[in-house]
Amino acid sequence: MSSLEKNIINVYGKKGKQWLAGLPKLIVKMKIVHGLSDLRPVKNLSYNYVLSGFQGQQPIILKLGPNIDGFKQEAEALKGFAGFGVVKVLAEGEGMLLLERAVSGVSLTSYFPEKDNDAIRIACKCLKRLHQAQITQDHVFPHIENWLIALDKHWEIPENYLQKAKLLRNDLLNTSSGSILLHGDLHHDNMLQNGDDWIVIDPKGVIGEPAYEVAAFIRNPMPELLMHKDVSTIIDNRITQFAKILTLSKQRIIAWCYVQSVLAWAWTLEDNGDVSYFKTLTALFSQSINNSVYPTN
């Protein structure tokens, strides 16, 4: 069983099995309806079936999956960031997105670990561009506060970790200096080379403070980061560089890194996934919290 099949069955159960069984026919239908050719699955599939190909001469990405609401949210986020360095939405439907494809499409993961500082600078360029997007009055995006409610549930996570995450969450939310539209998951695999520039994919679309945004990059790529012998040095350098380039508080970045690692641990438990990566991350960021001066406004 592939990782994609395992993940979909773990999350969606019987519905996921039915979706997987109907996938071949769905691909044929999408190919005919949208005039697609040369469809090939991309590598490292996780929770969606993603294919590259062409619509006429236009390089495209076709995303298919059972998470209908998630696809709608991604489409809204891409439209919200339109003109600020994200791929274009070419068509959308129930459980389907047809998107512009980045060419060459090499991700920032290829920069790890030898060119990590270069990757940080590229990520900051992408962030500065994304964060110019305006939040419209009729927006459909949740606030990070809505995501973080998950920490109040009972999880099989050590109580000291959960309590620290909730205390930090509350302080960070209460002392936030402003909210903008965030990508919500801007890690290495979501920034792709596109000609002479870089373009962003897979936004979640969530409202919050800029310091929240950099934590996804800091804890990636998975699992390569935690396999590196100098992981603590790499993380510390990333926090320092993001704070300097984006004029952010180091302490707030560290605190968000910790809160997000516990949140990701909880979400992974909910999806019946392997929590070992986030368990180790939480311990690392917990030590960083202990070594920093926090709280800070």
Protein backbone atom coordinates (compact mmCIF):
# COMPACT_ATOMS: atom_id res chain seq x y z
CA MET A 1 0.00 0.00 0.00
CA SER A 2 1.38 3.42 -0.97
CA SER A 3 1.70 6.33 1.49
CA LEU A 4 -1.12 8.11 -0.33
CA GLU A 5 -3.48 5.14 0.03
CA LYS A 6 -2.55 4.66 3.68
CA ASN A 7 -3.04 8.34 4.51
CA ILE A 8 -6.40 8.59 2.75
CA ILE A 9 -7.74 5.44 4.40
CA ASN A 10 -6.45 6.57 7.82
CA VAL A 11 -8.18 9.93 7.50
CA TYR A 12 -11.35 9.10 5.56
CA GLY A 13 -11.92 5.38 6.26
CA LYS A 14 -14.62 3.80 4.06
CA LYS A 15 -15.13 7.06 2.17
CA GLY A 16 -11.41 7.10 1.38
CA LYS A 17 -11.47 3.53 0.07
CA GLN A 18 -14.39 4.39 -2.19
CA TRP A 19 -12.61 7.47 -3.48
CA LEU A 20 -9.45 5.49 -4.25
CA ALA A 21 -11.51 2.85 -6.11
CA GLY A 22 -13.07 5.53 -8.31
CA LEU A 23 -9.83 7.42 -8.95
CA PRO A 24 -8.94 5.86 -12.35
CA LYS A 25 -12.34 6.78 -13.83
CA LEU A 26 -12.12 10.25 -12.30
CA ILE A 27 -8.77 10.88 -13.99
CA VAL A 28 -10.17 9.84 -17.37
CA LYS A 29 -13.16 12.15 -16.86
CA MET A 30 -10.95 15.13 -15.96
CA LYS A 31 -8.74 14.46 -18.97
CA ILE A 32 -11.72 14.56 -21.34
CA VAL A 33 -13.61 17.45 -19.72
CA HIS A 34 -10.61 19.78 -19.47
CA GLY A 35 -8.66 18.70 -22.54
CA LEU A 36 -5.62 17.45 -20.64
CA SER A 37 -2.70 15.44 -21.97
CA ASP A 38 0.49 13.74 -20.81
CA LEU A 39 -0.82 13.31 -17.25
CA ARG A 40 1.73 11.86 -14.86
CA PRO A 41 1.59 11.54 -11.07
CA VAL A 42 4.15 13.63 -9.21
CA LYS A 43 6.51 12.12 -6.64
CA ASN A 44 5.93 12.00 -2.88
CA LEU A 45 2.12 11.96 -2.89
CA SER A 46 0.66 12.40 0.59
CA TYR A 47 -3.04 13.30 0.98
CA ASN A 48 -4.01 14.27 -2.60
CA TYR A 49 -3.48 12.64 -5.99
CA VAL A 50 -1.48 15.18 -7.97
CA LEU A 51 -0.63 14.92 -11.65
CA SER A 52 1.42 17.11 -13.97
CA GLY A 53 0.53 17.53 -17.62
CA PHE A 54 -0.68 19.97 -20.24
CA GLN A 55 -3.84 21.76 -21.27
CA GLY A 56 -2.99 22.54 -24.86
CA GLN A 57 0.44 24.16 -24.53
CA GLN A 58 -0.18 25.28 -20.92
CA PRO A 59 1.77 23.29 -18.30
CA ILE A 60 -0.72 22.30 -15.59
CA ILE A 61 -1.15 20.54 -12.28
CA LEU A 62 -4.30 18.50 -11.63
CA LYS A 63 -5.09 17.95 -7.95
CA LEU A 64 -7.70 15.39 -6.91
CA GLY A 65 -8.76 14.38 -3.42
CA PRO A 66 -11.66 13.54 -1.08
CA ASN A 67 -11.21 16.71 1.02
CA ILE A 68 -13.83 18.81 -0.78
CA ASP A 69 -13.84 21.65 1.76
CA GLY A 70 -10.04 21.75 1.77
CA PHE A 71 -9.96 22.17 -2.00
CA LYS A 72 -12.50 25.00 -1.83
CA GLN A 73 -10.40 26.71 0.84
CA GLU A 74 -7.22 26.34 -1.24
CA ALA A 75 -8.96 27.83 -4.28
CA GLU A 76 -10.14 30.80 -2.22
CA ALA A 77 -6.64 31.31 -0.81
CA LEU A 78 -5.06 31.23 -4.27
CA LYS A 79 -7.57 33.82 -5.43
CA GLY A 80 -6.89 35.91 -2.33
CA PHE A 81 -3.17 35.90 -3.11
CA ALA A 82 -3.65 36.36 -6.89
CA GLY A 83 -1.01 38.71 -8.28
CA PHE A 84 1.30 38.23 -5.31
CA GLY A 85 3.38 35.25 -6.39
CA VAL A 86 1.08 32.22 -6.33
CA VAL A 87 0.07 29.81 -9.10
CA LYS A 88 -3.12 30.61 -11.02
CA VAL A 89 -6.37 28.67 -10.66
CA LEU A 90 -7.41 27.49 -14.14
CA ALA A 91 -10.48 25.51 -13.08
CA GLU A 92 -12.04 24.14 -9.91
CA GLY A 93 -14.67 21.62 -8.98
CA GLU A 94 -15.75 19.27 -6.20
CA GLY A 95 -12.54 17.64 -5.00
CA MET A 96 -10.59 19.01 -7.99
CA LEU A 97 -8.24 21.87 -8.79
CA LEU A 98 -6.61 22.60 -12.15
CA LEU A 99 -3.64 24.88 -11.64
CA GLU A 100 -0.83 26.62 -13.46
CA ARG A 101 2.34 24.50 -13.22
CA ALA A 102 5.67 25.97 -12.17
CA VAL A 103 8.54 25.27 -14.58
CA SER A 104 11.12 23.92 -13.71
CA GLY A 105 9.17 23.24 -10.53
CA VAL A 106 12.23 22.46 -8.38
CA SER A 107 11.38 23.13 -4.73
CA LEU A 108 13.42 24.82 -2.01
CA THR A 109 13.98 21.37 -0.50
CA SER A 110 16.77 21.03 -3.07
CA TYR A 111 18.64 23.83 -1.23
CA PHE A 112 18.84 21.86 2.04
CA PRO A 113 21.24 21.83 3.80
CA GLU A 114 24.12 23.35 1.77
CA LYS A 115 22.24 26.49 0.64
CA ASP A 116 20.03 27.04 3.66
CA ASN A 117 20.74 30.77 3.94
CA ASP A 118 19.87 31.22 0.27
CA ALA A 119 16.62 29.33 0.89
CA ILE A 120 15.79 31.66 3.80
CA ARG A 121 16.29 34.72 1.60
CA ILE A 122 14.08 33.25 -1.13
CA ALA A 123 11.39 32.38 1.43
CA CYS A 124 11.51 35.94 2.79
CA LYS A 125 11.09 37.33 -0.73
CA CYS A 126 8.05 35.09 -1.23
CA LEU A 127 6.63 36.11 2.16
CA LYS A 128 7.03 39.82 1.55
CA ARG A 129 5.18 39.47 -1.73
CA LEU A 130 2.38 37.30 -0.30
CA HIS A 131 1.83 39.58 2.67
CA GLN A 132 0.91 42.50 0.41
CA ALA A 133 -2.42 40.79 -0.32
CA GLN A 134 -5.41 42.59 1.19
CA ILE A 135 -8.12 40.96 3.30
CA THR A 136 -11.50 41.75 1.77
CA GLN A 137 -14.58 42.36 3.92
CA ASP A 138 -16.33 39.31 2.47
CA HIS A 139 -13.39 36.95 3.04
CA VAL A 140 -13.88 33.31 4.06
CA PHE A 141 -10.57 32.78 5.84
CA PRO A 142 -10.36 31.55 9.45
CA HIS A 143 -8.18 33.21 12.05
CA ILE A 144 -5.29 31.23 13.53
CA GLU A 145 -7.23 31.42 16.79
CA ASN A 146 -9.77 29.04 15.24
CA TRP A 147 -7.04 26.52 14.40
CA LEU A 148 -5.51 26.76 17.87
CA ILE A 149 -8.75 25.82 19.63
CA ALA A 150 -7.64 22.25 18.87
CA LEU A 151 -5.11 22.53 21.71
CA ASP A 152 -7.98 22.60 24.21
CA LYS A 153 -9.02 19.03 23.39
CA HIS A 154 -7.69 16.00 25.23
CA TRP A 155 -4.69 14.53 23.41
CA GLU A 156 -2.23 11.76 24.13
CA ILE A 157 0.48 14.41 24.52
CA PRO A 158 2.41 14.99 27.79
CA GLU A 159 0.44 17.46 29.90
CA ASN A 160 3.42 19.78 30.47
CA TYR A 161 3.81 20.22 26.70
CA LEU A 162 0.09 20.89 26.19
CA GLN A 163 -0.14 23.36 29.06
CA LYS A 164 2.90 25.28 27.85
CA ALA A 165 1.46 25.41 24.33
CA LYS A 166 -1.87 26.75 25.59
CA LEU A 167 -0.25 29.40 27.79
CA LEU A 168 1.98 30.57 24.95
CA ARG A 169 -0.95 30.52 22.51
CA ASN A 170 -3.03 32.72 24.78
CA ASP A 171 -0.22 35.21 25.33
CA LEU A 172 0.70 35.35 21.64
CA LEU A 173 -2.90 35.95 20.58
CA ASN A 174 -3.45 38.59 23.26
CA THR A 175 -0.28 40.51 22.34
CA SER A 176 -0.46 40.27 18.54
CA SER A 177 0.23 43.64 16.92
CA GLY A 178 -1.76 43.08 13.75
CA SER A 179 -3.27 40.50 11.41
CA ILE A 180 -2.73 39.84 7.70
CA LEU A 181 -3.58 37.09 5.24
CA LEU A 182 -1.10 34.24 5.73
CA HIS A 183 -0.24 31.24 3.59
CA GLY A 184 -0.45 29.06 6.68
CA ASP A 185 1.93 26.28 5.57
CA LEU A 186 4.83 27.94 3.73
CA HIS A 187 7.49 25.23 3.89
CA HIS A 188 10.17 24.26 1.34
CA ASP A 189 7.99 22.07 -0.89
CA ASN A 190 5.48 24.90 -1.32
CA MET A 191 7.96 27.27 -2.98
CA LEU A 192 8.89 26.24 -6.51
CA GLN A 193 11.25 27.62 -9.13
CA ASN A 194 9.30 29.17 -12.00
CA GLY A 195 11.57 30.47 -14.73
CA ASP A 196 13.94 32.97 -13.12
CA ASP A 197 11.72 33.47 -10.07
CA TRP A 198 9.97 31.46 -7.35
CA ILE A 199 6.25 30.85 -7.05
CA VAL A 200 4.11 29.63 -4.14
CA ILE A 201 1.63 26.73 -4.07
CA ASP A 202 -0.80 25.10 -1.60
CA PRO A 203 -1.85 28.05 0.58
CA LYS A 204 -4.19 27.29 3.47
CA GLY A 205 -5.43 30.87 3.77
CA VAL A 206 -5.57 31.97 7.41
CA ILE A 207 -5.45 35.32 9.20
CA GLY A 208 -2.79 36.04 11.79
CA GLU A 209 0.45 37.83 12.59
CA PRO A 210 3.54 37.55 10.33
CA ALA A 211 5.66 35.81 13.01
CA TYR A 212 3.30 32.82 12.80
CA GLU A 213 4.13 32.31 9.13
CA VAL A 214 7.84 31.44 9.37
CA ALA A 215 7.48 28.46 11.70
CA ALA A 216 6.53 26.03 8.91
CA PHE A 217 9.80 26.73 7.08
CA ILE A 218 11.83 26.49 10.30
CA ARG A 219 10.63 22.93 11.04
CA ASN A 220 11.15 21.60 7.49
CA PRO A 221 12.03 19.77 5.32
CA MET A 222 10.62 16.59 6.84
CA PRO A 223 12.25 14.25 7.72
CA GLU A 224 15.63 15.54 6.50
CA LEU A 225 15.92 18.34 9.05
CA LEU A 226 15.91 16.13 12.14
CA MET A 227 18.32 13.70 10.50
CA HIS A 228 20.99 16.42 10.25
CA LYS A 229 23.69 16.37 12.92
CA ASP A 230 23.54 20.16 13.38
CA VAL A 231 19.75 20.48 13.60
CA SER A 232 19.81 22.87 16.60
CA THR A 233 22.31 25.16 14.89
CA ILE A 234 20.23 25.20 11.70
CA ILE A 235 17.04 26.04 13.60
CA ASP A 236 18.73 28.79 15.63
CA ASN A 237 20.19 30.35 12.49
CA ARG A 238 16.83 30.28 10.72
CA ILE A 239 15.11 32.01 13.62
CA THR A 240 17.83 34.69 13.71
CA GLN A 241 17.75 35.26 9.94
CA PHE A 242 13.95 35.47 9.67
CA ALA A 243 13.82 37.90 12.60
CA LYS A 244 16.50 40.11 11.02
CA ILE A 245 15.23 40.09 7.41
CA LEU A 246 11.54 40.46 8.25
CA THR A 247 12.01 42.65 11.37
CA LEU A 248 10.25 40.19 13.64
CA SER A 249 10.69 39.30 17.31
CA LYS A 250 12.93 36.24 17.78
CA GLN A 251 11.06 35.36 20.96
CA ARG A 252 7.69 35.38 19.20
CA ILE A 253 9.07 33.23 16.38
CA ILE A 254 10.40 30.69 18.89
CA ALA A 255 7.09 30.67 20.76
CA TRP A 256 5.10 30.13 17.56
CA CYS A 257 7.47 27.33 16.53
CA TYR A 258 6.72 25.57 19.81
CA VAL A 259 2.95 26.11 19.66
CA GLN A 260 2.79 24.91 16.06
CA SER A 261 4.84 21.79 16.78
CA VAL A 262 2.36 20.78 19.48
CA LEU A 263 -0.57 21.64 17.20
CA ALA A 264 0.94 19.53 14.38
CA TRP A 265 1.41 16.70 16.89
CA ALA A 266 -2.29 16.90 17.78
CA TRP A 267 -3.39 17.04 14.14
CA THR A 268 -1.20 14.04 13.32
CA LEU A 269 -2.79 12.08 16.15
CA GLU A 270 -6.19 13.01 14.74
CA ASP A 271 -5.13 11.65 11.33
CA ASN A 272 -3.76 8.43 12.88
CA GLY A 273 -0.28 9.33 11.63
CA ASP A 274 3.27 8.91 12.95
CA VAL A 275 3.87 11.56 15.63
CA SER A 276 7.58 10.86 16.20
CA TYR A 277 8.77 13.85 14.13
CA PHE A 278 6.63 16.36 16.01
CA LYS A 279 7.41 14.77 19.36
CA THR A 280 11.12 15.41 18.74
CA LEU A 281 10.45 18.91 17.40
CA THR A 282 8.40 19.83 20.46
CA ALA A 283 11.27 18.83 22.73
CA LEU A 284 13.71 20.92 20.68
CA PHE A 285 11.51 24.01 20.69
CA SER A 286 10.71 23.54 24.36
CA GLN A 287 14.41 23.87 25.10
CA SER A 288 14.58 26.97 22.89
CA ILE A 289 11.70 28.49 24.89
CA ASN A 290 13.56 27.78 28.12
CA ASN A 291 16.66 29.49 26.75
CA SER A 292 14.83 32.60 25.51
CA VAL A 293 13.37 35.53 27.36
CA TYR A 294 9.61 35.13 27.02
CA PRO A 295 6.96 36.53 27.08
CA THR A 296 7.71 39.65 25.13
CA ASN A 297 5.39 42.19 23.53
